Amino acid sequence: MSQTPKTTETQPEMASLLLGAGFALASLIILPAVAQRIGMGSSLTIALRGALMRAANRF
């Protein structure tokens, strides 16, 4: 009589956590690196970072 783990309850939470972490990584590390590489202005970079962080908070 083995018990199966309750993965169906934790899967949405894990997906939200991974998605939020991905957005945070993108806004803090990837976006500034790409912006510097292509010569994007700092105000546009900050606006995009804010949009990514707002999107991360929705999940």
Protein backbone atom coordinates (compact mmCIF):
# COMPACT_ATOMS: atom_id res chain seq x y z
CA MET A 1 0.00 0.00 0.00
CA SER A 2 2.21 2.77 -1.25
CA GLN A 3 1.04 6.33 -1.22
CA THR A 4 1.44 8.47 -4.30
CA PRO A 5 2.77 11.99 -3.80
CA LYS A 6 0.27 14.80 -4.24
CA THR A 7 1.92 16.37 -7.25
CA THR A 8 -1.29 17.74 -8.74
CA GLU A 9 -1.66 20.19 -5.87
CA THR A 10 1.91 21.49 -6.03
CA GLN A 11 2.32 21.63 -9.82
CA PRO A 12 0.56 25.01 -10.31
CA GLU A 13 2.55 26.49 -7.43
CA MET A 14 5.83 25.21 -8.87
CA ALA A 15 4.98 26.50 -12.33
CA SER A 16 4.18 29.94 -10.93
CA LEU A 17 7.40 29.94 -8.93
CA LEU A 18 9.50 28.98 -11.94
CA LEU A 19 7.78 31.53 -14.16
CA GLY A 20 8.27 34.29 -11.61
CA ALA A 21 11.92 33.33 -11.17
CA GLY A 22 12.37 33.37 -14.94
CA PHE A 23 10.90 36.86 -15.21
CA ALA A 24 13.10 38.08 -12.35
CA LEU A 25 16.20 36.59 -13.98
CA ALA A 26 15.28 38.16 -17.30
CA SER A 27 14.65 41.60 -15.81
CA LEU A 28 17.72 41.72 -13.57
CA ILE A 29 20.38 40.01 -15.67
CA ILE A 30 19.41 39.26 -19.24
CA LEU A 31 17.57 42.49 -20.13
CA PRO A 32 20.35 44.88 -19.03
CA ALA A 33 22.97 42.78 -20.82
CA VAL A 34 21.00 42.76 -24.06
CA ALA A 35 20.17 46.47 -23.71
CA GLN A 36 23.83 47.34 -23.29
CA ARG A 37 24.78 45.16 -26.22
CA ILE A 38 22.34 46.79 -28.64
CA GLY A 39 22.73 50.30 -27.21
CA MET A 40 19.23 50.72 -25.81
CA GLY A 41 18.67 53.79 -23.66
CA SER A 42 18.57 53.45 -19.89
CA SER A 43 15.03 54.83 -19.57
CA LEU A 44 13.70 52.23 -21.99
CA THR A 45 15.62 49.51 -20.15
CA ILE A 46 14.09 50.59 -16.84
CA ALA A 47 10.61 50.63 -18.38
CA LEU A 48 11.04 47.12 -19.76
CA ARG A 49 12.40 45.92 -16.42
CA GLY A 50 9.34 47.34 -14.68
CA ALA A 51 7.02 45.64 -17.16
CA LEU A 52 8.74 42.29 -16.60
CA MET A 53 8.54 42.63 -12.82
CA ARG A 54 4.82 43.50 -13.02
CA ALA A 55 4.29 40.43 -15.20
CA ALA A 56 6.17 38.31 -12.66
CA ASN A 57 3.90 39.55 -9.86
CA ARG A 58 0.78 38.43 -11.74
CA PHE A 59 1.80 34.80 -11.45
